[in-house]
Amino acid sequence: MWPSGVLVSGEMSDAAMPFSIEELAIRHQNLTHRAIVITPKNSMVLGRERIEALRRPTSLNKVDRWLIDQAVQRSGKSRMILFRACNRHGERVWQFDPNLSDAELEEAGYLLTCALVPFHRRLLNAGVVLMVHTDWGVRECYAMRHGVRKFEHELRANASSLNKHVQTVDRWLLNNMLLHVALSIDHVAQRLLPLHLGMIDRRWEQLEAQLAQLPPEAVG
């Protein structure tokens, strides 16, 4: 799902991946959680060509698998991911093409949400219960929130035709796991997330039984 750059064959090392991975301690009173911080190394602009590609069936690629593996390696230690749209220099490194119309923007948010759900489901299965997208632009937040609402509504409307366990988990992650905000990572880490630390482990305890009922192909 995520762009894999120019490397399309062979094993990709961490250095070859288009994202950097760091860890950040989130503290509140006597609680401490470590968040995985994902930042694009170079500017990613999703335009019309990428939107058209999202209309076709997609599958997890090597970058997706590598990101999931980062979560698996930290399973039990990191239940949060922060995905940054700006790097540490304040440069925007993730956005939709500014030339997209409002209708195209909404469609992009919907298609990207649909395409990313299998990726997010596997992150959830690896122990990540909260994924906050920080430093996002207002347009990007609007598009993705629109996409999340629309796809969640479709899942509810088509419940009878879906695997009930997959549908339950997918609706949960759309309603609870994903957060898109036009706030800096510092604001999120210092003021927003500390207030939620107490419920992070409780969320995981509530989800474990549901995740155990998923068919292997839904999380493999």
N, C-alpha and C. Protein backbone atom coordinates (compact mmCIF):
# COMPACT_ATOMS: atom_id res chain seq x y z
N MET A 1 0.82 -1.19 0.00
CA MET A 1 0.00 0.00 0.00
C MET A 1 0.86 1.25 0.00
N TRP A 2 1.83 1.31 0.93
CA TRP A 2 2.73 2.46 0.95
C TRP A 2 3.73 2.37 -0.18
N PRO A 3 4.15 3.53 -0.73
CA PRO A 3 5.12 3.51 -1.83
C PRO A 3 6.40 2.82 -1.41
N SER A 4 6.95 2.02 -2.29
CA SER A 4 8.19 1.30 -1.98
C SER A 4 9.38 1.85 -2.76
N GLY A 5 9.21 3.01 -3.36
CA GLY A 5 10.33 3.63 -4.05
C GLY A 5 10.72 2.90 -5.31
N VAL A 6 11.99 2.96 -5.65
CA VAL A 6 12.44 2.38 -6.90
C VAL A 6 12.86 0.92 -6.73
N LEU A 7 13.03 0.47 -5.49
CA LEU A 7 13.44 -0.91 -5.28
C LEU A 7 12.21 -1.81 -5.35
N VAL A 8 12.22 -2.72 -6.26
CA VAL A 8 11.04 -3.57 -6.44
C VAL A 8 11.35 -5.04 -6.29
N SER A 9 12.60 -5.40 -6.07
CA SER A 9 12.94 -6.80 -5.93
C SER A 9 14.02 -6.96 -4.87
N GLY A 10 14.16 -8.19 -4.37
CA GLY A 10 15.17 -8.44 -3.37
C GLY A 10 14.76 -7.92 -2.00
N GLU A 11 15.62 -8.15 -1.01
CA GLU A 11 15.35 -7.70 0.34
C GLU A 11 15.69 -6.22 0.48
N MET A 12 14.82 -5.49 1.17
CA MET A 12 15.03 -4.07 1.36
C MET A 12 15.52 -3.83 2.79
N SER A 13 16.67 -3.20 2.94
CA SER A 13 17.21 -2.91 4.26
C SER A 13 16.47 -1.73 4.87
N ASP A 14 16.67 -1.52 6.18
CA ASP A 14 16.04 -0.39 6.85
C ASP A 14 16.42 0.92 6.17
N ALA A 15 17.68 1.04 5.76
CA ALA A 15 18.15 2.28 5.14
C ALA A 15 17.46 2.55 3.81
N ALA A 16 17.02 1.48 3.13
CA ALA A 16 16.38 1.64 1.82
C ALA A 16 14.90 1.98 1.94
N MET A 17 14.34 1.85 3.13
CA MET A 17 12.92 2.11 3.30
C MET A 17 12.62 3.61 3.23
N PRO A 18 11.41 3.97 2.76
CA PRO A 18 11.08 5.40 2.59
C PRO A 18 10.67 6.09 3.88
N PHE A 19 10.69 5.37 5.01
CA PHE A 19 10.31 5.96 6.29
C PHE A 19 11.41 5.77 7.32
N SER A 20 11.54 6.74 8.20
CA SER A 20 12.42 6.57 9.35
C SER A 20 11.57 6.15 10.54
N ILE A 21 12.16 5.36 11.43
CA ILE A 21 11.48 4.85 12.62
C ILE A 21 12.22 5.33 13.86
N GLU A 22 11.49 5.93 14.77
CA GLU A 22 12.04 6.34 16.05
C GLU A 22 11.07 5.95 17.15
N GLU A 23 11.49 6.10 18.39
CA GLU A 23 10.61 5.86 19.52
C GLU A 23 10.54 7.11 20.38
N LEU A 24 9.39 7.32 20.97
CA LEU A 24 9.17 8.51 21.79
C LEU A 24 8.44 8.10 23.05
N ALA A 25 8.96 8.51 24.21
CA ALA A 25 8.34 8.18 25.49
C ALA A 25 7.19 9.17 25.77
N ILE A 26 6.03 8.62 26.07
CA ILE A 26 4.87 9.42 26.45
C ILE A 26 4.62 9.16 27.93
N ARG A 27 4.63 10.22 28.74
CA ARG A 27 4.53 10.04 30.19
C ARG A 27 3.36 10.83 30.76
N HIS A 28 2.76 10.23 31.79
CA HIS A 28 1.71 10.92 32.56
C HIS A 28 1.67 10.30 33.94
N GLN A 29 2.00 11.13 34.95
CA GLN A 29 2.07 10.67 36.33
C GLN A 29 3.02 9.48 36.41
N ASN A 30 2.54 8.32 36.85
CA ASN A 30 3.44 7.16 36.99
C ASN A 30 3.38 6.22 35.79
N LEU A 31 2.72 6.65 34.71
CA LEU A 31 2.59 5.81 33.51
C LEU A 31 3.55 6.27 32.42
N THR A 32 4.14 5.33 31.73
CA THR A 32 5.01 5.63 30.58
C THR A 32 4.72 4.63 29.47
N HIS A 33 4.46 5.14 28.29
CA HIS A 33 4.31 4.30 27.10
C HIS A 33 5.28 4.80 26.04
N ARG A 34 5.76 3.87 25.25
CA ARG A 34 6.65 4.25 24.16
C ARG A 34 5.87 4.20 22.84
N ALA A 35 5.92 5.29 22.12
CA ALA A 35 5.24 5.37 20.83
C ALA A 35 6.25 5.18 19.70
N ILE A 36 5.83 4.49 18.66
CA ILE A 36 6.63 4.38 17.44
C ILE A 36 6.34 5.60 16.58
N VAL A 37 7.38 6.30 16.15
CA VAL A 37 7.22 7.48 15.32
C VAL A 37 7.67 7.16 13.90
N ILE A 38 6.76 7.30 12.93
CA ILE A 38 7.06 7.04 11.52
C ILE A 38 7.06 8.37 10.77
N THR A 39 8.14 8.64 10.05
CA THR A 39 8.25 9.88 9.28
C THR A 39 8.77 9.58 7.88
N PRO A 40 8.08 10.04 6.85
CA PRO A 40 8.63 9.88 5.49
C PRO A 40 9.99 10.56 5.38
N LYS A 41 10.93 9.91 4.71
CA LYS A 41 12.25 10.49 4.54
C LYS A 41 12.26 11.57 3.47
N ASN A 42 11.41 11.44 2.50
CA ASN A 42 11.31 12.40 1.40
C ASN A 42 9.84 12.77 1.18
N SER A 43 9.61 13.85 0.48
CA SER A 43 8.26 14.35 0.27
C SER A 43 7.40 13.33 -0.48
N MET A 44 6.21 13.08 0.05
CA MET A 44 5.23 12.23 -0.59
C MET A 44 4.00 13.07 -0.91
N VAL A 45 3.65 13.20 -2.18
CA VAL A 45 2.49 13.96 -2.61
C VAL A 45 1.57 13.02 -3.37
N LEU A 46 0.38 12.80 -2.84
CA LEU A 46 -0.57 11.89 -3.47
C LEU A 46 -1.47 12.69 -4.42
N GLY A 47 -1.30 12.43 -5.71
CA GLY A 47 -2.07 13.14 -6.72
C GLY A 47 -3.01 12.23 -7.48
N ARG A 48 -3.42 12.68 -8.64
CA ARG A 48 -4.42 11.95 -9.42
C ARG A 48 -3.94 10.57 -9.86
N GLU A 49 -2.67 10.46 -10.20
CA GLU A 49 -2.15 9.16 -10.63
C GLU A 49 -2.25 8.13 -9.51
N ARG A 50 -1.89 8.55 -8.30
CA ARG A 50 -1.96 7.65 -7.17
C ARG A 50 -3.41 7.29 -6.82
N ILE A 51 -4.29 8.27 -6.96
CA ILE A 51 -5.71 8.03 -6.68
C ILE A 51 -6.26 6.98 -7.64
N GLU A 52 -5.91 7.10 -8.92
CA GLU A 52 -6.37 6.12 -9.90
C GLU A 52 -5.85 4.73 -9.56
N ALA A 53 -4.61 4.65 -9.09
CA ALA A 53 -4.04 3.35 -8.73
C ALA A 53 -4.80 2.73 -7.56
N LEU A 54 -5.31 3.57 -6.66
CA LEU A 54 -6.04 3.06 -5.49
C LEU A 54 -7.40 2.48 -5.86
N ARG A 55 -7.88 2.78 -7.05
CA ARG A 55 -9.17 2.21 -7.48
C ARG A 55 -9.04 0.72 -7.79
N ARG A 56 -7.82 0.27 -8.04
CA ARG A 56 -7.59 -1.13 -8.34
C ARG A 56 -7.29 -1.89 -7.04
N PRO A 57 -7.57 -3.19 -7.01
CA PRO A 57 -7.27 -3.97 -5.81
C PRO A 57 -5.80 -3.86 -5.44
N THR A 58 -5.53 -3.69 -4.16
CA THR A 58 -4.16 -3.56 -3.69
C THR A 58 -3.85 -4.67 -2.68
N SER A 59 -2.59 -4.92 -2.48
CA SER A 59 -2.16 -5.88 -1.48
C SER A 59 -0.98 -5.29 -0.72
N LEU A 60 -0.63 -5.91 0.39
CA LEU A 60 0.48 -5.40 1.18
C LEU A 60 1.79 -5.57 0.42
N ASN A 61 2.60 -4.53 0.42
CA ASN A 61 3.90 -4.62 -0.24
C ASN A 61 5.01 -4.74 0.80
N LYS A 62 6.24 -4.68 0.35
CA LYS A 62 7.38 -4.88 1.26
C LYS A 62 7.47 -3.77 2.31
N VAL A 63 7.10 -2.57 1.93
CA VAL A 63 7.14 -1.46 2.89
C VAL A 63 6.10 -1.68 3.99
N ASP A 64 4.89 -2.07 3.58
CA ASP A 64 3.85 -2.37 4.56
C ASP A 64 4.32 -3.45 5.53
N ARG A 65 4.87 -4.53 4.98
CA ARG A 65 5.33 -5.65 5.82
C ARG A 65 6.43 -5.20 6.77
N TRP A 66 7.31 -4.35 6.27
CA TRP A 66 8.40 -3.84 7.12
C TRP A 66 7.85 -3.00 8.26
N LEU A 67 6.87 -2.13 7.98
CA LEU A 67 6.28 -1.31 9.02
C LEU A 67 5.54 -2.17 10.05
N ILE A 68 4.83 -3.17 9.57
CA ILE A 68 4.15 -4.09 10.49
C ILE A 68 5.18 -4.80 11.37
N ASP A 69 6.30 -5.20 10.77
CA ASP A 69 7.35 -5.89 11.52
C ASP A 69 7.93 -4.99 12.61
N GLN A 70 8.00 -3.67 12.34
CA GLN A 70 8.48 -2.74 13.38
C GLN A 70 7.57 -2.81 14.60
N ALA A 71 6.26 -2.92 14.35
CA ALA A 71 5.30 -3.02 15.45
C ALA A 71 5.42 -4.37 16.15
N VAL A 72 5.60 -5.44 15.37
CA VAL A 72 5.73 -6.78 15.95
C VAL A 72 6.96 -6.84 16.86
N GLN A 73 8.07 -6.25 16.42
CA GLN A 73 9.30 -6.25 17.21
C GLN A 73 9.12 -5.54 18.55
N ARG A 74 8.20 -4.58 18.58
CA ARG A 74 7.97 -3.80 19.80
C ARG A 74 6.67 -4.21 20.51
N SER A 75 6.15 -5.35 20.14
CA SER A 75 4.88 -5.81 20.69
C SER A 75 4.94 -5.85 22.21
N GLY A 76 3.94 -5.26 22.85
CA GLY A 76 3.90 -5.20 24.31
C GLY A 76 4.58 -3.99 24.88
N LYS A 77 5.44 -3.34 24.08
CA LYS A 77 6.14 -2.14 24.55
C LYS A 77 5.59 -0.87 23.90
N SER A 78 5.16 -0.97 22.66
CA SER A 78 4.65 0.19 21.93
C SER A 78 3.26 -0.13 21.39
N ARG A 79 2.26 0.48 21.96
CA ARG A 79 0.88 0.28 21.50
C ARG A 79 0.36 1.51 20.76
N MET A 80 1.24 2.47 20.50
CA MET A 80 0.86 3.69 19.79
C MET A 80 1.83 3.95 18.65
N ILE A 81 1.29 4.47 17.56
CA ILE A 81 2.11 4.93 16.44
C ILE A 81 1.77 6.39 16.17
N LEU A 82 2.79 7.19 15.95
CA LEU A 82 2.61 8.57 15.50
C LEU A 82 3.16 8.64 14.08
N PHE A 83 2.29 8.98 13.12
CA PHE A 83 2.72 9.14 11.73
C PHE A 83 2.82 10.63 11.44
N ARG A 84 4.02 11.10 11.17
CA ARG A 84 4.25 12.54 10.99
C ARG A 84 4.13 12.97 9.54
N ALA A 85 3.45 14.08 9.30
CA ALA A 85 3.38 14.65 7.96
C ALA A 85 4.40 15.77 7.77
N CYS A 86 5.11 16.12 8.84
CA CYS A 86 6.21 17.09 8.78
C CYS A 86 7.41 16.46 9.47
N ASN A 87 8.59 16.73 8.95
CA ASN A 87 9.78 16.19 9.60
C ASN A 87 10.25 17.12 10.71
N ARG A 88 11.37 16.78 11.32
CA ARG A 88 11.84 17.55 12.47
C ARG A 88 12.30 18.96 12.09
N HIS A 89 12.47 19.21 10.80
CA HIS A 89 12.84 20.55 10.33
C HIS A 89 11.62 21.39 9.97
N GLY A 90 10.44 20.83 10.18
CA GLY A 90 9.21 21.55 9.85
C GLY A 90 8.83 21.49 8.40
N GLU A 91 9.50 20.63 7.63
CA GLU A 91 9.20 20.49 6.20
C GLU A 91 8.07 19.49 5.99
N ARG A 92 7.08 19.84 5.17
CA ARG A 92 5.96 18.95 4.93
C ARG A 92 6.43 17.79 4.05
N VAL A 93 6.21 16.57 4.52
CA VAL A 93 6.68 15.39 3.80
C VAL A 93 5.55 14.44 3.42
N TRP A 94 4.30 14.81 3.74
CA TRP A 94 3.15 13.98 3.32
C TRP A 94 1.97 14.90 3.10
N GLN A 95 1.37 14.81 1.91
CA GLN A 95 0.19 15.63 1.63
C GLN A 95 -0.50 15.14 0.37
N PHE A 96 -1.75 15.56 0.22
CA PHE A 96 -2.44 15.38 -1.05
C PHE A 96 -2.03 16.52 -1.98
N ASP A 97 -2.10 16.26 -3.26
CA ASP A 97 -1.78 17.27 -4.26
C ASP A 97 -2.68 18.50 -4.03
N PRO A 98 -2.09 19.68 -3.85
CA PRO A 98 -2.89 20.90 -3.63
C PRO A 98 -3.84 21.21 -4.78
N ASN A 99 -3.59 20.64 -5.97
CA ASN A 99 -4.43 20.93 -7.13
C ASN A 99 -5.69 20.07 -7.19
N LEU A 100 -5.85 19.14 -6.27
CA LEU A 100 -7.04 18.31 -6.27
C LEU A 100 -8.27 19.16 -5.93
N SER A 101 -9.37 18.91 -6.61
CA SER A 101 -10.62 19.58 -6.28
C SER A 101 -11.17 19.00 -4.98
N ASP A 102 -12.18 19.64 -4.42
CA ASP A 102 -12.78 19.15 -3.18
C ASP A 102 -13.33 17.73 -3.37
N ALA A 103 -13.98 17.50 -4.51
CA ALA A 103 -14.53 16.17 -4.78
C ALA A 103 -13.42 15.12 -4.90
N GLU A 104 -12.34 15.48 -5.58
CA GLU A 104 -11.21 14.57 -5.73
C GLU A 104 -10.55 14.31 -4.37
N LEU A 105 -10.50 15.32 -3.53
CA LEU A 105 -9.91 15.19 -2.20
C LEU A 105 -10.72 14.20 -1.37
N GLU A 106 -12.03 14.32 -1.39
CA GLU A 106 -12.88 13.39 -0.64
C GLU A 106 -12.71 11.97 -1.16
N GLU A 107 -12.66 11.83 -2.49
CA GLU A 107 -12.48 10.51 -3.08
C GLU A 107 -11.13 9.92 -2.69
N ALA A 108 -10.11 10.76 -2.68
CA ALA A 108 -8.78 10.30 -2.29
C ALA A 108 -8.77 9.80 -0.85
N GLY A 109 -9.41 10.55 0.05
CA GLY A 109 -9.47 10.13 1.44
C GLY A 109 -10.20 8.81 1.61
N TYR A 110 -11.27 8.63 0.87
CA TYR A 110 -12.04 7.39 0.94
C TYR A 110 -11.24 6.21 0.39
N LEU A 111 -10.66 6.37 -0.79
CA LEU A 111 -9.93 5.28 -1.41
C LEU A 111 -8.70 4.89 -0.58
N LEU A 112 -8.02 5.88 -0.02
CA LEU A 112 -6.85 5.59 0.80
C LEU A 112 -7.25 4.88 2.09
N THR A 113 -8.35 5.31 2.68
CA THR A 113 -8.85 4.63 3.88
C THR A 113 -9.14 3.17 3.60
N CYS A 114 -9.86 2.90 2.52
CA CYS A 114 -10.21 1.52 2.15
C CYS A 114 -8.95 0.68 1.93
N ALA A 115 -7.99 1.26 1.23
CA ALA A 115 -6.77 0.52 0.90
C ALA A 115 -5.92 0.23 2.13
N LEU A 116 -5.98 1.11 3.13
CA LEU A 116 -5.13 0.97 4.30
C LEU A 116 -5.72 0.09 5.40
N VAL A 117 -7.01 -0.21 5.34
CA VAL A 117 -7.62 -0.99 6.42
C VAL A 117 -6.92 -2.34 6.64
N PRO A 118 -6.58 -3.12 5.61
CA PRO A 118 -5.86 -4.38 5.87
C PRO A 118 -4.51 -4.15 6.56
N PHE A 119 -3.83 -3.08 6.22
CA PHE A 119 -2.58 -2.71 6.87
C PHE A 119 -2.82 -2.35 8.33
N HIS A 120 -3.83 -1.53 8.59
CA HIS A 120 -4.13 -1.12 9.96
C HIS A 120 -4.60 -2.32 10.80
N ARG A 121 -5.34 -3.24 10.18
CA ARG A 121 -5.80 -4.43 10.91
C ARG A 121 -4.61 -5.25 11.39
N ARG A 122 -3.60 -5.36 10.57
CA ARG A 122 -2.41 -6.13 10.95
C ARG A 122 -1.58 -5.38 12.01
N LEU A 123 -1.56 -4.07 11.95
CA LEU A 123 -0.92 -3.31 13.03
C LEU A 123 -1.67 -3.54 14.34
N LEU A 124 -2.99 -3.53 14.28
CA LEU A 124 -3.80 -3.78 15.47
C LEU A 124 -3.51 -5.17 16.02
N ASN A 125 -3.41 -6.14 15.15
CA ASN A 125 -3.11 -7.50 15.58
C ASN A 125 -1.73 -7.60 16.21
N ALA A 126 -0.82 -6.69 15.81
CA ALA A 126 0.53 -6.66 16.36
C ALA A 126 0.59 -5.91 17.69
N GLY A 127 -0.56 -5.36 18.12
CA GLY A 127 -0.59 -4.70 19.43
C GLY A 127 -0.75 -3.21 19.41
N VAL A 128 -0.84 -2.60 18.22
CA VAL A 128 -1.01 -1.15 18.13
C VAL A 128 -2.49 -0.81 18.22
N VAL A 129 -2.90 -0.08 19.25
CA VAL A 129 -4.32 0.23 19.43
C VAL A 129 -4.64 1.69 19.12
N LEU A 130 -3.62 2.50 18.87
CA LEU A 130 -3.85 3.91 18.55
C LEU A 130 -2.81 4.37 17.54
N MET A 131 -3.29 4.96 16.44
CA MET A 131 -2.40 5.51 15.42
C MET A 131 -2.81 6.95 15.16
N VAL A 132 -1.96 7.87 15.59
CA VAL A 132 -2.26 9.30 15.46
C VAL A 132 -1.42 9.89 14.34
N HIS A 133 -2.10 10.53 13.39
CA HIS A 133 -1.42 11.19 12.28
C HIS A 133 -1.25 12.66 12.66
N THR A 134 -0.02 13.08 12.92
CA THR A 134 0.25 14.42 13.42
C THR A 134 0.80 15.33 12.33
N ASP A 135 0.74 16.62 12.60
CA ASP A 135 1.32 17.64 11.69
C ASP A 135 0.62 17.67 10.33
N TRP A 136 -0.61 17.16 10.28
CA TRP A 136 -1.30 17.09 9.00
C TRP A 136 -1.90 18.44 8.63
N GLY A 137 -2.08 18.64 7.34
CA GLY A 137 -2.77 19.84 6.89
C GLY A 137 -4.27 19.70 7.10
N VAL A 138 -4.96 20.82 7.10
CA VAL A 138 -6.41 20.80 7.31
C VAL A 138 -7.10 20.00 6.20
N ARG A 139 -6.64 20.16 4.96
CA ARG A 139 -7.26 19.44 3.84
C ARG A 139 -7.08 17.93 3.99
N GLU A 140 -5.89 17.52 4.42
CA GLU A 140 -5.62 16.10 4.60
C GLU A 140 -6.48 15.51 5.72
N CYS A 141 -6.60 16.26 6.81
CA CYS A 141 -7.46 15.80 7.92
C CYS A 141 -8.89 15.64 7.46
N TYR A 142 -9.38 16.64 6.73
CA TYR A 142 -10.76 16.59 6.24
C TYR A 142 -10.97 15.38 5.35
N ALA A 143 -10.03 15.16 4.41
CA ALA A 143 -10.18 14.06 3.45
C ALA A 143 -10.19 12.71 4.15
N MET A 144 -9.28 12.51 5.08
CA MET A 144 -9.19 11.21 5.73
C MET A 144 -10.35 10.98 6.70
N ARG A 145 -10.78 12.01 7.39
CA ARG A 145 -11.94 11.85 8.28
C ARG A 145 -13.19 11.52 7.46
N HIS A 146 -13.31 12.16 6.29
CA HIS A 146 -14.42 11.84 5.39
C HIS A 146 -14.34 10.38 4.97
N GLY A 147 -13.14 9.94 4.59
CA GLY A 147 -12.96 8.57 4.14
C GLY A 147 -13.29 7.56 5.23
N VAL A 148 -12.86 7.84 6.46
CA VAL A 148 -13.14 6.94 7.58
C VAL A 148 -14.64 6.83 7.83
N ARG A 149 -15.33 7.98 7.84
CA ARG A 149 -16.78 7.96 8.08
C ARG A 149 -17.51 7.20 6.98
N LYS A 150 -17.14 7.45 5.73
CA LYS A 150 -17.84 6.82 4.61
C LYS A 150 -17.63 5.31 4.61
N PHE A 151 -16.41 4.88 4.82
CA PHE A 151 -16.14 3.45 4.78
C PHE A 151 -16.77 2.73 5.97
N GLU A 152 -16.76 3.35 7.15
CA GLU A 152 -17.38 2.74 8.31
C GLU A 152 -18.87 2.57 8.09
N HIS A 153 -19.49 3.58 7.46
CA HIS A 153 -20.92 3.49 7.13
C HIS A 153 -21.17 2.34 6.17
N GLU A 154 -20.31 2.15 5.20
CA GLU A 154 -20.47 1.05 4.24
C GLU A 154 -20.35 -0.31 4.93
N LEU A 155 -19.43 -0.41 5.86
CA LEU A 155 -19.27 -1.67 6.59
C LEU A 155 -20.53 -2.00 7.38
N ARG A 156 -21.12 -1.00 8.00
CA ARG A 156 -22.36 -1.22 8.75
C ARG A 156 -23.49 -1.65 7.82
N ALA A 157 -23.57 -0.99 6.67
CA ALA A 157 -24.66 -1.25 5.74
C ALA A 157 -24.54 -2.62 5.09
N ASN A 158 -23.31 -3.14 4.94
CA ASN A 158 -23.09 -4.40 4.26
C ASN A 158 -22.68 -5.51 5.22
N ALA A 159 -23.05 -5.39 6.47
CA ALA A 159 -22.58 -6.32 7.50
C ALA A 159 -22.90 -7.77 7.17
N SER A 160 -24.05 -8.04 6.59
CA SER A 160 -24.46 -9.42 6.35
C SER A 160 -23.61 -10.13 5.31
N SER A 161 -22.91 -9.38 4.48
CA SER A 161 -22.13 -9.99 3.41
C SER A 161 -20.65 -10.12 3.77
N LEU A 162 -20.27 -9.76 5.00
CA LEU A 162 -18.88 -9.76 5.41
C LEU A 162 -18.65 -10.77 6.52
N ASN A 163 -17.41 -11.22 6.66
CA ASN A 163 -17.04 -12.02 7.81
C ASN A 163 -17.28 -11.19 9.06
N LYS A 164 -18.09 -11.68 9.98
CA LYS A 164 -18.52 -10.85 11.11
C LYS A 164 -17.37 -10.45 12.01
N HIS A 165 -16.36 -11.31 12.14
CA HIS A 165 -15.23 -10.99 13.00
C HIS A 165 -14.35 -9.91 12.36
N VAL A 166 -14.11 -10.04 11.07
CA VAL A 166 -13.33 -9.01 10.35
C VAL A 166 -14.07 -7.69 10.38
N GLN A 167 -15.38 -7.75 10.15
CA GLN A 167 -16.18 -6.53 10.13
C GLN A 167 -16.17 -5.83 11.49
N THR A 168 -16.25 -6.61 12.56
CA THR A 168 -16.22 -6.02 13.91
C THR A 168 -14.90 -5.34 14.19
N VAL A 169 -13.81 -6.00 13.84
CA VAL A 169 -12.49 -5.42 14.08
C VAL A 169 -12.25 -4.20 13.20
N ASP A 170 -12.65 -4.29 11.94
CA ASP A 170 -12.43 -3.17 11.02
C ASP A 170 -13.24 -1.94 11.45
N ARG A 171 -14.46 -2.15 11.89
CA ARG A 171 -15.26 -1.02 12.37
C ARG A 171 -14.65 -0.44 13.64
N TRP A 172 -14.12 -1.31 14.49
CA TRP A 172 -13.49 -0.81 15.71
C TRP A 172 -12.29 0.08 15.38
N LEU A 173 -11.44 -0.38 14.48
CA LEU A 173 -10.24 0.41 14.20
C LEU A 173 -10.58 1.73 13.50
N LEU A 174 -11.60 1.73 12.67
CA LEU A 174 -12.01 2.98 12.03
C LEU A 174 -12.56 3.97 13.05
N ASN A 175 -13.26 3.47 14.05
CA ASN A 175 -13.88 4.34 15.05
C ASN A 175 -12.96 4.72 16.20
N ASN A 176 -11.94 3.90 16.47
CA ASN A 176 -11.16 4.08 17.68
C ASN A 176 -9.65 4.18 17.50
N MET A 177 -9.11 3.54 16.48
CA MET A 177 -7.66 3.47 16.34
C MET A 177 -7.06 4.67 15.62
N LEU A 178 -7.77 5.18 14.62
CA LEU A 178 -7.21 6.18 13.72
C LEU A 178 -7.60 7.59 14.12
N LEU A 179 -6.61 8.46 14.19
CA LEU A 179 -6.85 9.86 14.53
C LEU A 179 -5.99 10.72 13.60
N HIS A 180 -6.62 11.67 12.92
CA HIS A 180 -5.93 12.57 12.00
C HIS A 180 -6.07 14.00 12.52
N VAL A 181 -4.94 14.63 12.87
CA VAL A 181 -5.00 15.95 13.50
C VAL A 181 -4.00 16.91 12.86
N ALA A 182 -4.40 18.18 12.81
CA ALA A 182 -3.51 19.23 12.32
C ALA A 182 -2.77 19.85 13.50
N LEU A 183 -2.25 18.99 14.36
CA LEU A 183 -1.51 19.41 15.55
C LEU A 183 -0.08 18.90 15.45
N SER A 184 0.85 19.63 16.04
CA SER A 184 2.25 19.22 16.00
C SER A 184 2.47 17.97 16.84
N ILE A 185 3.54 17.26 16.55
CA ILE A 185 3.84 16.06 17.31
C ILE A 185 4.13 16.41 18.77
N ASP A 186 4.72 17.58 19.01
CA ASP A 186 4.99 17.99 20.39
C ASP A 186 3.69 18.18 21.17
N HIS A 187 2.71 18.83 20.54
CA HIS A 187 1.42 19.04 21.20
C HIS A 187 0.74 17.70 21.48
N VAL A 188 0.77 16.81 20.49
CA VAL A 188 0.13 15.51 20.66
C VAL A 188 0.81 14.71 21.77
N ALA A 189 2.15 14.70 21.77
CA ALA A 189 2.89 13.89 22.74
C ALA A 189 2.84 14.45 24.15
N GLN A 190 2.79 15.77 24.25
CA GLN A 190 2.88 16.39 25.58
C GLN A 190 1.52 16.72 26.19
N ARG A 191 0.50 16.93 25.35
CA ARG A 191 -0.77 17.39 25.89
C ARG A 191 -1.96 16.47 25.58
N LEU A 192 -1.93 15.80 24.44
CA LEU A 192 -3.06 14.97 24.05
C LEU A 192 -2.93 13.53 24.53
N LEU A 193 -1.84 12.87 24.17
CA LEU A 193 -1.70 11.45 24.48
C LEU A 193 -1.57 11.13 25.96
N PRO A 194 -0.86 11.96 26.76
CA PRO A 194 -0.74 11.61 28.18
C PRO A 194 -2.08 11.36 28.87
N LEU A 195 -3.12 12.05 28.44
CA LEU A 195 -4.44 11.89 29.07
C LEU A 195 -5.08 10.55 28.73
N HIS A 196 -4.55 9.86 27.72
CA HIS A 196 -5.15 8.61 27.26
C HIS A 196 -4.33 7.37 27.64
N LEU A 197 -3.23 7.55 28.34
CA LEU A 197 -2.36 6.41 28.63
C LEU A 197 -3.06 5.33 29.43
N GLY A 198 -3.92 5.73 30.35
CA GLY A 198 -4.58 4.75 31.20
C GLY A 198 -5.45 3.76 30.47
N MET A 199 -5.97 4.17 29.31
CA MET A 199 -6.90 3.28 28.60
C MET A 199 -6.21 2.45 27.52
N ILE A 200 -4.92 2.70 27.25
CA ILE A 200 -4.23 1.99 26.17
C ILE A 200 -4.20 0.49 26.43
N ASP A 201 -3.74 0.07 27.60
CA ASP A 201 -3.66 -1.35 27.90
C ASP A 201 -5.05 -1.97 28.04
N ARG A 202 -6.00 -1.20 28.57
CA ARG A 202 -7.36 -1.72 28.70
C ARG A 202 -7.96 -2.00 27.33
N ARG A 203 -7.67 -1.12 26.37
CA ARG A 203 -8.16 -1.35 25.01
C ARG A 203 -7.63 -2.67 24.46
N TRP A 204 -6.35 -2.92 24.68
CA TRP A 204 -5.75 -4.14 24.15
C TRP A 204 -6.37 -5.37 24.79
N GLU A 205 -6.60 -5.33 26.09
CA GLU A 205 -7.22 -6.46 26.78
C GLU A 205 -8.61 -6.74 26.23
N GLN A 206 -9.35 -5.69 25.88
CA GLN A 206 -10.69 -5.86 25.33
C GLN A 206 -10.66 -6.42 23.92
N LEU A 207 -9.59 -6.15 23.18
CA LEU A 207 -9.52 -6.53 21.78
C LEU A 207 -8.95 -7.91 21.54
N GLU A 208 -8.16 -8.41 22.48
CA GLU A 208 -7.45 -9.67 22.24
C GLU A 208 -8.39 -10.80 21.83
N ALA A 209 -9.52 -10.94 22.51
CA ALA A 209 -10.45 -12.02 22.20
C ALA A 209 -11.02 -11.87 20.79
N GLN A 210 -11.33 -10.62 20.38
CA GLN A 210 -11.86 -10.40 19.04
C GLN A 210 -10.80 -10.71 17.97
N LEU A 211 -9.57 -10.30 18.22
CA LEU A 211 -8.51 -10.53 17.26
C LEU A 211 -8.23 -12.03 17.10
N ALA A 212 -8.38 -12.78 18.17
CA ALA A 212 -8.11 -14.22 18.12
C ALA A 212 -9.12 -14.95 17.23
N GLN A 213 -10.26 -14.34 16.96
CA GLN A 213 -11.28 -14.97 16.13
C GLN A 213 -11.16 -14.62 14.65
N LEU A 214 -10.20 -13.79 14.30
CA LEU A 214 -10.03 -13.42 12.90
C LEU A 214 -9.46 -14.59 12.12
N PRO A 215 -9.91 -14.78 10.87
CA PRO A 215 -9.32 -15.84 10.04
C PRO A 215 -7.85 -15.51 9.74
N PRO A 216 -7.00 -16.51 9.62
CA PRO A 216 -5.56 -16.27 9.42
C PRO A 216 -5.24 -15.34 8.26
N GLU A 217 -6.02 -15.44 7.17
CA GLU A 217 -5.73 -14.61 6.00
C GLU A 217 -6.01 -13.13 6.25
N ALA A 218 -6.76 -12.81 7.28
CA ALA A 218 -7.07 -11.41 7.58
C ALA A 218 -5.94 -10.70 8.31
N VAL A 219 -5.02 -11.47 8.86
CA VAL A 219 -3.93 -10.87 9.62
C VAL A 219 -2.57 -11.42 9.22
N GLY A 220 -2.54 -12.28 8.23
CA GLY A 220 -1.29 -12.90 7.82
C GLY A 220 -0.50 -12.06 6.84
